[in-house]
Amino acid sequence: MPAGTITDLVLQQGDQQRVNIFIDGAFAIGVSLTVVQDLRLHKGQQLSQADWERLEAAEQRARAWNAALALLSQRARTERELRERLRRKGFAEGPIDAVVRRLRELELIDDAQFARQWIATRQHLRPRGALALRQELRAHGLAPQIVEQALSEQIDAETERQACTHVARTVLRRYAGEADWPSFQRKLGSYLLRRGFTFETIKPILAELWRELREAQ
């Protein structure tokens, strides 16, 4: 857009938080009201090419900010997830970087907190072993050191055993009719392995449950 004079600023009828800017009598761009306020735009203001570029950059940051807040209102996200979603929406790296920095400052994104909350929620609602939790957290784009720190803070041998026992008892009836120990161990053990528990954790739990089943007969 060439340099010129702002001849009008008009609130959009469909969105009172956006403003249409007219330069030299012609519509130039629609921007958020916050951009108008932050840049102190007004009728009669002369805009140079550099001013126009600053205006466009500010509008891109405002759009990216609003898009990020909308995404975070749906659910918590890691920094990588948020960046990828904003890229898919067509935002350039500059606005994305600015938005991410601001969100970090406001503690609206925090990968370490995301990891801790993910583990706590999983263990409360759908327990998984540390192997599965590690894989899930890495899939969300979390750095290895953040994942390992969160796991070390919340998962130890006892919590892992308790989670595995809970999962095993939840599905025990499904395998209670197995005729022999090898079959019971193979089938229930495979189920627990798929949920991220190690065989070292699983083995004594299987033996305990098998004894209980036999004693109950």
N, C-alpha and C. Protein backbone atom coordinates (compact mmCIF):
# COMPACT_ATOMS: atom_id res chain seq x y z
N MET A 1 0.85 -1.19 0.00
CA MET A 1 0.00 0.00 0.00
C MET A 1 0.89 1.24 0.00
N PRO A 2 0.63 2.21 -0.90
CA PRO A 2 1.45 3.42 -0.94
C PRO A 2 1.22 4.30 0.28
N ALA A 3 2.18 5.16 0.55
CA ALA A 3 2.03 6.11 1.65
C ALA A 3 0.86 7.03 1.35
N GLY A 4 0.30 7.59 2.41
CA GLY A 4 -0.83 8.49 2.22
C GLY A 4 -1.36 9.00 3.53
N THR A 5 -2.56 9.59 3.47
CA THR A 5 -3.18 10.18 4.64
C THR A 5 -4.40 9.37 5.06
N ILE A 6 -4.53 9.11 6.35
CA ILE A 6 -5.73 8.44 6.85
C ILE A 6 -6.89 9.42 6.76
N THR A 7 -7.88 9.07 5.95
CA THR A 7 -9.03 9.97 5.78
C THR A 7 -10.24 9.52 6.57
N ASP A 8 -10.25 8.29 7.04
CA ASP A 8 -11.37 7.85 7.86
C ASP A 8 -11.02 6.55 8.58
N LEU A 9 -11.62 6.38 9.75
CA LEU A 9 -11.54 5.13 10.51
C LEU A 9 -12.96 4.79 10.91
N VAL A 10 -13.44 3.63 10.46
CA VAL A 10 -14.84 3.27 10.64
C VAL A 10 -14.94 1.90 11.31
N LEU A 11 -15.69 1.84 12.43
CA LEU A 11 -15.93 0.54 13.06
C LEU A 11 -16.70 -0.37 12.11
N GLN A 12 -16.26 -1.62 12.03
CA GLN A 12 -16.97 -2.56 11.17
C GLN A 12 -18.34 -2.89 11.76
N GLN A 13 -19.35 -2.97 10.92
CA GLN A 13 -20.71 -3.21 11.41
C GLN A 13 -20.84 -4.58 12.05
N GLY A 14 -20.17 -5.57 11.49
CA GLY A 14 -20.30 -6.92 12.01
C GLY A 14 -19.41 -7.23 13.20
N ASP A 15 -18.44 -6.35 13.48
CA ASP A 15 -17.50 -6.60 14.57
C ASP A 15 -17.00 -5.26 15.09
N GLN A 16 -17.52 -4.85 16.22
CA GLN A 16 -17.18 -3.56 16.78
C GLN A 16 -15.77 -3.50 17.35
N GLN A 17 -15.04 -4.62 17.31
CA GLN A 17 -13.66 -4.64 17.75
C GLN A 17 -12.68 -4.50 16.59
N ARG A 18 -13.23 -4.26 15.38
CA ARG A 18 -12.38 -4.08 14.21
C ARG A 18 -12.72 -2.77 13.52
N VAL A 19 -11.69 -2.21 12.88
CA VAL A 19 -11.82 -0.88 12.28
C VAL A 19 -11.34 -0.93 10.83
N ASN A 20 -12.14 -0.34 9.94
CA ASN A 20 -11.72 -0.19 8.55
C ASN A 20 -10.98 1.14 8.41
N ILE A 21 -9.79 1.09 7.82
CA ILE A 21 -8.97 2.29 7.64
C ILE A 21 -8.99 2.69 6.17
N PHE A 22 -9.28 3.96 5.94
CA PHE A 22 -9.30 4.51 4.59
C PHE A 22 -8.12 5.46 4.43
N ILE A 23 -7.38 5.29 3.35
CA ILE A 23 -6.23 6.14 3.06
C ILE A 23 -6.49 6.86 1.75
N ASP A 24 -6.41 8.17 1.81
CA ASP A 24 -6.68 9.02 0.63
C ASP A 24 -8.03 8.68 0.02
N GLY A 25 -9.01 8.42 0.89
CA GLY A 25 -10.38 8.20 0.45
C GLY A 25 -10.72 6.79 0.04
N ALA A 26 -9.75 5.88 0.02
CA ALA A 26 -9.98 4.50 -0.42
C ALA A 26 -9.74 3.54 0.75
N PHE A 27 -10.57 2.49 0.79
CA PHE A 27 -10.36 1.47 1.83
C PHE A 27 -8.98 0.87 1.68
N ALA A 28 -8.27 0.78 2.82
CA ALA A 28 -6.90 0.25 2.77
C ALA A 28 -6.76 -1.08 3.50
N ILE A 29 -7.30 -1.15 4.70
CA ILE A 29 -7.09 -2.36 5.50
C ILE A 29 -8.07 -2.36 6.67
N GLY A 30 -8.44 -3.56 7.12
CA GLY A 30 -9.21 -3.72 8.34
C GLY A 30 -8.28 -4.21 9.44
N VAL A 31 -8.33 -3.55 10.59
CA VAL A 31 -7.44 -3.92 11.69
C VAL A 31 -8.23 -3.99 12.98
N SER A 32 -7.63 -4.60 13.99
CA SER A 32 -8.30 -4.67 15.29
C SER A 32 -8.26 -3.30 15.96
N LEU A 33 -9.24 -3.08 16.82
CA LEU A 33 -9.32 -1.81 17.55
C LEU A 33 -8.08 -1.59 18.40
N THR A 34 -7.52 -2.67 18.94
CA THR A 34 -6.32 -2.53 19.78
C THR A 34 -5.14 -2.00 18.97
N VAL A 35 -5.04 -2.39 17.70
CA VAL A 35 -3.97 -1.88 16.85
C VAL A 35 -4.13 -0.38 16.65
N VAL A 36 -5.36 0.06 16.39
CA VAL A 36 -5.62 1.49 16.23
C VAL A 36 -5.20 2.25 17.49
N GLN A 37 -5.56 1.68 18.65
CA GLN A 37 -5.23 2.34 19.91
C GLN A 37 -3.73 2.31 20.19
N ASP A 38 -3.11 1.14 19.98
CA ASP A 38 -1.68 1.02 20.29
C ASP A 38 -0.84 1.93 19.41
N LEU A 39 -1.21 2.06 18.14
CA LEU A 39 -0.43 2.89 17.21
C LEU A 39 -0.93 4.33 17.17
N ARG A 40 -1.99 4.60 17.94
CA ARG A 40 -2.57 5.95 18.01
C ARG A 40 -2.91 6.49 16.62
N LEU A 41 -3.57 5.65 15.85
CA LEU A 41 -3.96 6.06 14.51
C LEU A 41 -5.13 7.05 14.58
N HIS A 42 -5.14 8.03 13.69
CA HIS A 42 -6.21 9.02 13.70
C HIS A 42 -6.37 9.64 12.32
N LYS A 43 -7.53 10.21 12.10
CA LYS A 43 -7.80 10.89 10.82
C LYS A 43 -6.82 12.03 10.63
N GLY A 44 -6.37 12.15 9.41
CA GLY A 44 -5.43 13.20 9.09
C GLY A 44 -3.98 12.79 9.27
N GLN A 45 -3.76 11.61 9.82
CA GLN A 45 -2.38 11.16 10.06
C GLN A 45 -1.72 10.77 8.75
N GLN A 46 -0.51 11.25 8.56
CA GLN A 46 0.28 10.88 7.38
C GLN A 46 1.00 9.56 7.65
N LEU A 47 0.85 8.63 6.73
CA LEU A 47 1.52 7.33 6.86
C LEU A 47 2.59 7.19 5.79
N SER A 48 3.81 6.97 6.24
CA SER A 48 4.90 6.67 5.31
C SER A 48 4.87 5.18 4.98
N GLN A 49 5.70 4.76 4.06
CA GLN A 49 5.78 3.33 3.75
C GLN A 49 6.20 2.54 4.98
N ALA A 50 7.12 3.10 5.77
CA ALA A 50 7.56 2.43 7.00
C ALA A 50 6.41 2.35 8.00
N ASP A 51 5.59 3.40 8.08
CA ASP A 51 4.43 3.38 8.97
C ASP A 51 3.45 2.29 8.55
N TRP A 52 3.25 2.19 7.25
CA TRP A 52 2.34 1.17 6.73
C TRP A 52 2.84 -0.24 7.07
N GLU A 53 4.12 -0.46 6.94
CA GLU A 53 4.68 -1.77 7.26
C GLU A 53 4.53 -2.08 8.74
N ARG A 54 4.70 -1.07 9.59
CA ARG A 54 4.50 -1.27 11.03
C ARG A 54 3.04 -1.60 11.32
N LEU A 55 2.14 -0.95 10.62
CA LEU A 55 0.70 -1.20 10.79
C LEU A 55 0.35 -2.64 10.40
N GLU A 56 0.85 -3.06 9.25
CA GLU A 56 0.58 -4.44 8.82
C GLU A 56 1.15 -5.45 9.81
N ALA A 57 2.37 -5.19 10.30
CA ALA A 57 3.00 -6.11 11.25
C ALA A 57 2.21 -6.17 12.55
N ALA A 58 1.74 -5.01 13.01
CA ALA A 58 0.96 -4.97 14.25
C ALA A 58 -0.35 -5.73 14.09
N GLU A 59 -0.97 -5.61 12.92
CA GLU A 59 -2.23 -6.32 12.68
C GLU A 59 -1.99 -7.83 12.63
N GLN A 60 -0.90 -8.25 12.02
CA GLN A 60 -0.59 -9.68 12.00
C GLN A 60 -0.36 -10.22 13.40
N ARG A 61 0.33 -9.45 14.24
CA ARG A 61 0.53 -9.88 15.62
C ARG A 61 -0.80 -9.96 16.37
N ALA A 62 -1.66 -9.00 16.14
CA ALA A 62 -2.97 -8.99 16.81
C ALA A 62 -3.81 -10.19 16.37
N ARG A 63 -3.77 -10.48 15.08
CA ARG A 63 -4.52 -11.64 14.58
C ARG A 63 -3.96 -12.94 15.16
N ALA A 64 -2.66 -13.04 15.18
CA ALA A 64 -2.02 -14.24 15.73
C ALA A 64 -2.34 -14.38 17.22
N TRP A 65 -2.33 -13.27 17.93
CA TRP A 65 -2.66 -13.29 19.36
C TRP A 65 -4.08 -13.79 19.59
N ASN A 66 -5.03 -13.27 18.84
CA ASN A 66 -6.41 -13.69 19.01
C ASN A 66 -6.60 -15.16 18.63
N ALA A 67 -5.89 -15.59 17.58
CA ALA A 67 -5.97 -16.99 17.18
C ALA A 67 -5.39 -17.89 18.26
N ALA A 68 -4.28 -17.47 18.87
CA ALA A 68 -3.65 -18.26 19.93
C ALA A 68 -4.58 -18.37 21.14
N LEU A 69 -5.19 -17.27 21.52
CA LEU A 69 -6.11 -17.30 22.67
C LEU A 69 -7.30 -18.22 22.39
N ALA A 70 -7.79 -18.20 21.16
CA ALA A 70 -8.91 -19.08 20.82
C ALA A 70 -8.49 -20.55 20.92
N LEU A 71 -7.29 -20.86 20.48
CA LEU A 71 -6.80 -22.24 20.57
C LEU A 71 -6.62 -22.66 22.02
N LEU A 72 -6.08 -21.76 22.84
CA LEU A 72 -5.86 -22.09 24.25
C LEU A 72 -7.16 -22.18 25.03
N SER A 73 -8.21 -21.52 24.55
CA SER A 73 -9.49 -21.62 25.23
C SER A 73 -10.12 -22.99 25.06
N GLN A 74 -9.68 -23.71 24.02
CA GLN A 74 -10.19 -25.05 23.77
C GLN A 74 -9.54 -26.07 24.70
N ARG A 75 -8.23 -25.96 24.86
CA ARG A 75 -7.48 -26.84 25.76
C ARG A 75 -6.07 -26.31 25.90
N ALA A 76 -5.37 -26.78 26.92
CA ALA A 76 -3.96 -26.41 27.09
C ALA A 76 -3.16 -27.00 25.93
N ARG A 77 -2.13 -26.28 25.53
CA ARG A 77 -1.30 -26.73 24.42
C ARG A 77 0.18 -26.49 24.74
N THR A 78 1.02 -27.32 24.16
CA THR A 78 2.45 -27.08 24.29
C THR A 78 2.85 -25.98 23.31
N GLU A 79 4.05 -25.46 23.52
CA GLU A 79 4.52 -24.40 22.62
C GLU A 79 4.59 -24.91 21.18
N ARG A 80 5.09 -26.12 20.98
CA ARG A 80 5.20 -26.63 19.62
C ARG A 80 3.83 -26.80 18.97
N GLU A 81 2.87 -27.32 19.74
CA GLU A 81 1.52 -27.49 19.20
C GLU A 81 0.94 -26.14 18.78
N LEU A 82 1.12 -25.14 19.63
CA LEU A 82 0.57 -23.82 19.33
C LEU A 82 1.24 -23.24 18.09
N ARG A 83 2.55 -23.34 18.01
CA ARG A 83 3.25 -22.83 16.84
C ARG A 83 2.76 -23.52 15.56
N GLU A 84 2.60 -24.83 15.62
CA GLU A 84 2.18 -25.57 14.42
C GLU A 84 0.78 -25.16 13.99
N ARG A 85 -0.11 -24.97 14.95
CA ARG A 85 -1.48 -24.57 14.61
C ARG A 85 -1.50 -23.16 14.01
N LEU A 86 -0.70 -22.26 14.54
CA LEU A 86 -0.66 -20.90 14.00
C LEU A 86 -0.04 -20.89 12.60
N ARG A 87 0.96 -21.74 12.37
CA ARG A 87 1.53 -21.84 11.02
C ARG A 87 0.47 -22.32 10.04
N ARG A 88 -0.32 -23.31 10.46
CA ARG A 88 -1.36 -23.83 9.57
C ARG A 88 -2.42 -22.78 9.26
N LYS A 89 -2.57 -21.81 10.14
CA LYS A 89 -3.51 -20.72 9.91
C LYS A 89 -2.91 -19.62 9.04
N GLY A 90 -1.64 -19.81 8.66
CA GLY A 90 -1.02 -18.89 7.72
C GLY A 90 -0.19 -17.79 8.31
N PHE A 91 0.07 -17.82 9.61
CA PHE A 91 0.87 -16.77 10.23
C PHE A 91 2.36 -17.02 10.00
N ALA A 92 3.09 -15.93 9.83
CA ALA A 92 4.54 -16.01 9.63
C ALA A 92 5.24 -16.18 10.97
N GLU A 93 6.53 -16.53 10.90
CA GLU A 93 7.28 -16.81 12.12
C GLU A 93 7.42 -15.59 13.03
N GLY A 94 7.54 -14.40 12.45
CA GLY A 94 7.69 -13.20 13.27
C GLY A 94 6.53 -12.99 14.23
N PRO A 95 5.30 -12.91 13.73
CA PRO A 95 4.15 -12.77 14.63
C PRO A 95 4.01 -13.93 15.61
N ILE A 96 4.31 -15.14 15.15
CA ILE A 96 4.21 -16.31 16.04
C ILE A 96 5.20 -16.18 17.19
N ASP A 97 6.43 -15.81 16.88
CA ASP A 97 7.44 -15.64 17.93
C ASP A 97 7.00 -14.59 18.95
N ALA A 98 6.46 -13.49 18.46
CA ALA A 98 6.03 -12.42 19.36
C ALA A 98 4.90 -12.89 20.27
N VAL A 99 3.96 -13.63 19.71
CA VAL A 99 2.83 -14.13 20.50
C VAL A 99 3.30 -15.14 21.54
N VAL A 100 4.18 -16.05 21.14
CA VAL A 100 4.67 -17.06 22.07
C VAL A 100 5.43 -16.41 23.22
N ARG A 101 6.25 -15.42 22.93
CA ARG A 101 6.97 -14.72 24.00
C ARG A 101 5.99 -14.09 24.99
N ARG A 102 4.96 -13.46 24.48
CA ARG A 102 3.99 -12.81 25.36
C ARG A 102 3.21 -13.84 26.19
N LEU A 103 2.85 -14.95 25.55
CA LEU A 103 2.13 -15.99 26.28
C LEU A 103 2.99 -16.61 27.38
N ARG A 104 4.28 -16.76 27.10
CA ARG A 104 5.19 -17.28 28.12
C ARG A 104 5.26 -16.30 29.31
N GLU A 105 5.39 -15.01 29.00
CA GLU A 105 5.47 -14.00 30.05
C GLU A 105 4.23 -14.02 30.94
N LEU A 106 3.08 -14.25 30.33
CA LEU A 106 1.81 -14.28 31.07
C LEU A 106 1.52 -15.66 31.67
N GLU A 107 2.43 -16.61 31.42
CA GLU A 107 2.29 -17.99 31.90
C GLU A 107 1.03 -18.66 31.36
N LEU A 108 0.67 -18.27 30.14
CA LEU A 108 -0.48 -18.91 29.49
C LEU A 108 -0.05 -20.15 28.71
N ILE A 109 1.24 -20.25 28.43
CA ILE A 109 1.81 -21.52 27.95
C ILE A 109 3.02 -21.82 28.82
N ASP A 110 3.12 -23.07 29.23
CA ASP A 110 4.20 -23.51 30.11
C ASP A 110 4.37 -25.00 29.89
N ASP A 111 5.38 -25.37 29.13
CA ASP A 111 5.54 -26.79 28.78
C ASP A 111 5.74 -27.67 30.00
N ALA A 112 6.46 -27.19 31.00
CA ALA A 112 6.68 -27.99 32.20
C ALA A 112 5.37 -28.23 32.93
N GLN A 113 4.55 -27.19 33.04
CA GLN A 113 3.26 -27.33 33.69
C GLN A 113 2.34 -28.24 32.89
N PHE A 114 2.40 -28.13 31.57
CA PHE A 114 1.61 -29.00 30.70
C PHE A 114 1.94 -30.46 30.99
N ALA A 115 3.24 -30.76 31.07
CA ALA A 115 3.67 -32.14 31.30
C ALA A 115 3.17 -32.64 32.65
N ARG A 116 3.31 -31.82 33.69
CA ARG A 116 2.86 -32.24 35.03
C ARG A 116 1.35 -32.48 35.04
N GLN A 117 0.61 -31.58 34.40
CA GLN A 117 -0.84 -31.71 34.40
C GLN A 117 -1.29 -32.90 33.58
N TRP A 118 -0.60 -33.16 32.48
CA TRP A 118 -0.94 -34.32 31.63
C TRP A 118 -0.80 -35.61 32.43
N ILE A 119 0.32 -35.74 33.14
CA ILE A 119 0.56 -36.95 33.93
C ILE A 119 -0.49 -37.09 35.03
N ALA A 120 -0.76 -36.00 35.74
CA ALA A 120 -1.73 -36.05 36.84
C ALA A 120 -3.11 -36.44 36.34
N THR A 121 -3.53 -35.86 35.23
CA THR A 121 -4.85 -36.17 34.68
C THR A 121 -4.92 -37.61 34.21
N ARG A 122 -3.87 -38.04 33.51
CA ARG A 122 -3.83 -39.42 33.03
C ARG A 122 -3.93 -40.40 34.21
N GLN A 123 -3.15 -40.16 35.23
CA GLN A 123 -3.12 -41.09 36.35
C GLN A 123 -4.44 -41.11 37.11
N HIS A 124 -5.16 -40.02 37.05
CA HIS A 124 -6.46 -39.96 37.74
C HIS A 124 -7.58 -40.59 36.92
N LEU A 125 -7.57 -40.35 35.62
CA LEU A 125 -8.68 -40.79 34.79
C LEU A 125 -8.39 -42.08 34.03
N ARG A 126 -7.23 -42.16 33.39
CA ARG A 126 -6.89 -43.34 32.59
C ARG A 126 -5.42 -43.66 32.81
N PRO A 127 -5.10 -44.34 33.90
CA PRO A 127 -3.69 -44.59 34.25
C PRO A 127 -2.91 -45.26 33.12
N ARG A 128 -1.68 -44.85 32.98
CA ARG A 128 -0.76 -45.40 32.00
C ARG A 128 0.60 -45.58 32.67
N GLY A 129 1.40 -46.46 32.13
CA GLY A 129 2.75 -46.63 32.63
C GLY A 129 3.64 -45.51 32.14
N ALA A 130 4.81 -45.40 32.77
CA ALA A 130 5.74 -44.33 32.42
C ALA A 130 6.16 -44.39 30.96
N LEU A 131 6.28 -45.58 30.41
CA LEU A 131 6.66 -45.70 29.00
C LEU A 131 5.63 -45.04 28.10
N ALA A 132 4.36 -45.29 28.37
CA ALA A 132 3.29 -44.71 27.56
C ALA A 132 3.20 -43.20 27.78
N LEU A 133 3.33 -42.77 29.03
CA LEU A 133 3.28 -41.35 29.33
C LEU A 133 4.41 -40.60 28.63
N ARG A 134 5.59 -41.21 28.64
CA ARG A 134 6.73 -40.59 27.97
C ARG A 134 6.45 -40.42 26.47
N GLN A 135 5.90 -41.45 25.87
CA GLN A 135 5.60 -41.40 24.43
C GLN A 135 4.53 -40.36 24.13
N GLU A 136 3.50 -40.28 24.97
CA GLU A 136 2.45 -39.31 24.76
C GLU A 136 2.97 -37.88 24.88
N LEU A 137 3.77 -37.63 25.89
CA LEU A 137 4.30 -36.28 26.09
C LEU A 137 5.24 -35.88 24.96
N ARG A 138 6.07 -36.82 24.49
CA ARG A 138 6.97 -36.50 23.38
C ARG A 138 6.16 -36.22 22.12
N ALA A 139 5.02 -36.90 21.96
CA ALA A 139 4.18 -36.66 20.79
C ALA A 139 3.58 -35.26 20.79
N HIS A 140 3.48 -34.66 21.97
CA HIS A 140 2.98 -33.28 22.07
C HIS A 140 4.09 -32.26 21.82
N GLY A 141 5.29 -32.74 21.53
CA GLY A 141 6.37 -31.84 21.19
C GLY A 141 7.18 -31.34 22.36
N LEU A 142 7.06 -31.99 23.50
CA LEU A 142 7.81 -31.54 24.67
C LEU A 142 9.27 -32.01 24.60
N ALA A 143 10.16 -31.16 25.07
CA ALA A 143 11.59 -31.49 25.08
C ALA A 143 11.84 -32.67 26.02
N PRO A 144 12.80 -33.53 25.69
CA PRO A 144 13.08 -34.71 26.52
C PRO A 144 13.35 -34.36 27.98
N GLN A 145 14.08 -33.29 28.24
CA GLN A 145 14.40 -32.95 29.62
C GLN A 145 13.17 -32.54 30.41
N ILE A 146 12.21 -31.90 29.76
CA ILE A 146 10.96 -31.53 30.43
C ILE A 146 10.15 -32.78 30.74
N VAL A 147 10.10 -33.70 29.80
CA VAL A 147 9.36 -34.95 30.00
C VAL A 147 9.95 -35.74 31.16
N GLU A 148 11.27 -35.89 31.16
CA GLU A 148 11.91 -36.70 32.20
C GLU A 148 11.78 -36.05 33.57
N GLN A 149 11.85 -34.73 33.62
CA GLN A 149 11.69 -34.05 34.90
C GLN A 149 10.29 -34.26 35.46
N ALA A 150 9.29 -34.13 34.62
CA ALA A 150 7.91 -34.31 35.06
C ALA A 150 7.66 -35.75 35.52
N LEU A 151 8.20 -36.70 34.79
CA LEU A 151 8.02 -38.10 35.16
C LEU A 151 8.72 -38.40 36.49
N SER A 152 9.91 -37.87 36.67
CA SER A 152 10.65 -38.14 37.91
C SER A 152 9.95 -37.52 39.12
N GLU A 153 9.27 -36.41 38.91
CA GLU A 153 8.56 -35.75 40.00
C GLU A 153 7.30 -36.49 40.41
N GLN A 154 6.66 -37.18 39.46
CA GLN A 154 5.33 -37.73 39.73
C GLN A 154 5.22 -39.25 39.66
N ILE A 155 6.21 -39.89 39.07
CA ILE A 155 6.15 -41.35 38.92
C ILE A 155 7.36 -41.99 39.59
N ASP A 156 7.09 -42.92 40.51
CA ASP A 156 8.16 -43.73 41.08
C ASP A 156 7.70 -45.18 41.05
N ALA A 157 8.48 -46.06 41.60
CA ALA A 157 8.16 -47.49 41.52
C ALA A 157 6.81 -47.80 42.17
N GLU A 158 6.52 -47.13 43.28
CA GLU A 158 5.27 -47.42 43.98
C GLU A 158 4.05 -46.89 43.22
N THR A 159 4.13 -45.66 42.73
CA THR A 159 3.00 -45.13 41.97
C THR A 159 2.79 -45.92 40.69
N GLU A 160 3.89 -46.38 40.09
CA GLU A 160 3.78 -47.21 38.89
C GLU A 160 3.10 -48.54 39.23
N ARG A 161 3.48 -49.13 40.35
CA ARG A 161 2.86 -50.40 40.76
C ARG A 161 1.37 -50.22 41.03
N GLN A 162 1.02 -49.13 41.71
CA GLN A 162 -0.38 -48.87 42.03
C GLN A 162 -1.20 -48.66 40.76
N ALA A 163 -0.65 -47.90 39.83
CA ALA A 163 -1.36 -47.66 38.58
C ALA A 163 -1.55 -48.95 37.80
N CYS A 164 -0.51 -49.75 37.75
CA CYS A 164 -0.60 -51.02 37.02
C CYS A 164 -1.61 -51.96 37.66
N THR A 165 -1.60 -52.02 38.98
CA THR A 165 -2.56 -52.86 39.69
C THR A 165 -3.99 -52.39 39.42
N HIS A 166 -4.20 -51.09 39.44
CA HIS A 166 -5.53 -50.54 39.17
C HIS A 166 -6.01 -50.92 37.78
N VAL A 167 -5.15 -50.74 36.79
CA VAL A 167 -5.53 -51.07 35.41
C VAL A 167 -5.81 -52.56 35.29
N ALA A 168 -4.97 -53.38 35.89
CA ALA A 168 -5.14 -54.83 35.80
C ALA A 168 -6.46 -55.27 36.44
N ARG A 169 -6.79 -54.72 37.60
CA ARG A 169 -8.03 -55.10 38.27
C ARG A 169 -9.26 -54.62 37.50
N THR A 170 -9.11 -53.51 36.80
CA THR A 170 -10.23 -52.99 36.02
C THR A 170 -10.67 -53.98 34.94
N VAL A 171 -9.71 -54.71 34.37
CA VAL A 171 -10.04 -55.63 33.28
C VAL A 171 -9.90 -57.09 33.69
N LEU A 172 -9.73 -57.35 34.97
CA LEU A 172 -9.43 -58.72 35.42
C LEU A 172 -10.51 -59.71 35.02
N ARG A 173 -11.77 -59.30 35.12
CA ARG A 173 -12.85 -60.22 34.79
C ARG A 173 -12.73 -60.76 33.37
N ARG A 174 -12.19 -59.92 32.48
CA ARG A 174 -12.05 -60.32 31.08
C ARG A 174 -11.12 -61.52 30.93
N TYR A 175 -10.15 -61.66 31.85
CA TYR A 175 -9.15 -62.72 31.73
C TYR A 175 -9.28 -63.78 32.82
N ALA A 176 -10.28 -63.64 33.67
CA ALA A 176 -10.41 -64.55 34.81
C ALA A 176 -10.69 -65.99 34.39
N GLY A 177 -11.25 -66.18 33.21
CA GLY A 177 -11.59 -67.53 32.77
C GLY A 177 -10.47 -68.28 32.08
N GLU A 178 -9.29 -67.68 32.00
CA GLU A 178 -8.18 -68.38 31.35
C GLU A 178 -7.85 -69.66 32.13
N ALA A 179 -7.62 -70.73 31.40
CA ALA A 179 -7.50 -72.04 32.03
C ALA A 179 -6.16 -72.26 32.73
N ASP A 180 -5.13 -71.58 32.29
CA ASP A 180 -3.82 -71.84 32.89
C ASP A 180 -3.02 -70.55 33.03
N TRP A 181 -1.98 -70.64 33.85
CA TRP A 181 -1.13 -69.48 34.14
C TRP A 181 -0.46 -68.91 32.89
N PRO A 182 0.14 -69.72 32.01
CA PRO A 182 0.79 -69.14 30.82
C PRO A 182 -0.16 -68.31 29.97
N SER A 183 -1.38 -68.82 29.80
CA SER A 183 -2.36 -68.09 28.99
C SER A 183 -2.77 -66.79 29.67
N PHE A 184 -3.03 -66.84 30.97
CA PHE A 184 -3.40 -65.66 31.75
C PHE A 184 -2.27 -64.63 31.71
N GLN A 185 -1.05 -65.09 31.92
CA GLN A 185 0.10 -64.19 31.94
C GLN A 185 0.30 -63.54 30.58
N ARG A 186 0.16 -64.32 29.52
CA ARG A 186 0.39 -63.79 28.18
C ARG A 186 -0.66 -62.75 27.81
N LYS A 187 -1.91 -63.03 28.08
CA LYS A 187 -2.98 -62.15 27.61
C LYS A 187 -3.10 -60.88 28.46
N LEU A 188 -3.18 -61.04 29.77
CA LEU A 188 -3.27 -59.85 30.61
C LEU A 188 -1.96 -59.08 30.59
N GLY A 189 -0.84 -59.81 30.54
CA GLY A 189 0.45 -59.15 30.46
C GLY A 189 0.58 -58.30 29.21
N SER A 190 0.11 -58.82 28.08
CA SER A 190 0.17 -58.06 26.83
C SER A 190 -0.68 -56.80 26.93
N TYR A 191 -1.82 -56.93 27.56
CA TYR A 191 -2.70 -55.76 27.73
C TYR A 191 -1.98 -54.66 28.53
N LEU A 192 -1.34 -55.05 29.61
CA LEU A 192 -0.65 -54.08 30.46
C LEU A 192 0.59 -53.51 29.78
N LEU A 193 1.29 -54.32 29.02
CA LEU A 193 2.44 -53.82 28.27
C LEU A 193 2.01 -52.74 27.28
N ARG A 194 0.86 -52.95 26.63
CA ARG A 194 0.38 -51.96 25.66
C ARG A 194 0.03 -50.64 26.33
N ARG A 195 -0.18 -50.66 27.62
CA ARG A 195 -0.50 -49.44 28.36
C ARG A 195 0.73 -48.83 29.02
N GLY A 196 1.88 -49.29 28.60
CA GLY A 196 3.11 -48.60 28.97
C GLY A 196 3.78 -49.05 30.25
N PHE A 197 3.35 -50.18 30.81
CA PHE A 197 4.01 -50.69 32.01
C PHE A 197 5.11 -51.67 31.61
N THR A 198 6.16 -51.70 32.40
CA THR A 198 7.26 -52.62 32.10
C THR A 198 6.92 -54.01 32.62
N PHE A 199 7.58 -55.01 32.04
CA PHE A 199 7.33 -56.38 32.49
C PHE A 199 7.77 -56.56 33.93
N GLU A 200 8.81 -55.83 34.35
CA GLU A 200 9.26 -55.93 35.74
C GLU A 200 8.17 -55.48 36.71
N THR A 201 7.40 -54.49 36.32
CA THR A 201 6.28 -54.03 37.15
C THR A 201 5.11 -55.00 37.06
N ILE A 202 4.88 -55.50 35.88
CA ILE A 202 3.70 -56.33 35.62
C ILE A 202 3.80 -57.71 36.27
N LYS A 203 4.96 -58.33 36.21
CA LYS A 203 5.10 -59.75 36.59
C LYS A 203 4.58 -60.06 37.99
N PRO A 204 5.00 -59.36 39.05
CA PRO A 204 4.49 -59.71 40.38
C PRO A 204 3.00 -59.44 40.54
N ILE A 205 2.48 -58.46 39.82
CA ILE A 205 1.05 -58.15 39.89
C ILE A 205 0.25 -59.28 39.26
N LEU A 206 0.72 -59.79 38.14
CA LEU A 206 0.05 -60.93 37.50
C LEU A 206 0.03 -62.14 38.45
N ALA A 207 1.16 -62.39 39.09
CA ALA A 207 1.23 -63.54 40.00
C ALA A 207 0.24 -63.38 41.16
N GLU A 208 0.14 -62.18 41.69
CA GLU A 208 -0.77 -61.93 42.80
C GLU A 208 -2.23 -62.12 42.38
N LEU A 209 -2.58 -61.59 41.22
CA LEU A 209 -3.95 -61.71 40.74
C LEU A 209 -4.29 -63.16 40.40
N TRP A 210 -3.33 -63.88 39.86
CA TRP A 210 -3.58 -65.30 39.53
C TRP A 210 -3.84 -66.10 40.80
N ARG A 211 -3.07 -65.84 41.87
CA ARG A 211 -3.30 -66.50 43.13
C ARG A 211 -4.69 -66.18 43.67
N GLU A 212 -5.09 -64.94 43.60
CA GLU A 212 -6.42 -64.55 44.07
C GLU A 212 -7.51 -65.30 43.32
N LEU A 213 -7.37 -65.41 42.02
CA LEU A 213 -8.37 -66.10 41.20
C LEU A 213 -8.44 -67.57 41.57
N ARG A 214 -7.29 -68.19 41.78
CA ARG A 214 -7.28 -69.61 42.11
C ARG A 214 -7.89 -69.85 43.50
N GLU A 215 -7.57 -68.96 44.44
CA GLU A 215 -8.09 -69.10 45.81
C GLU A 215 -9.59 -68.90 45.86
N ALA A 216 -10.11 -68.10 44.95
CA ALA A 216 -11.54 -67.81 44.93
C ALA A 216 -12.35 -68.93 44.31
N GLN A 217 -11.70 -69.88 43.69
CA GLN A 217 -12.44 -70.98 43.03
C GLN A 217 -12.95 -72.00 44.04
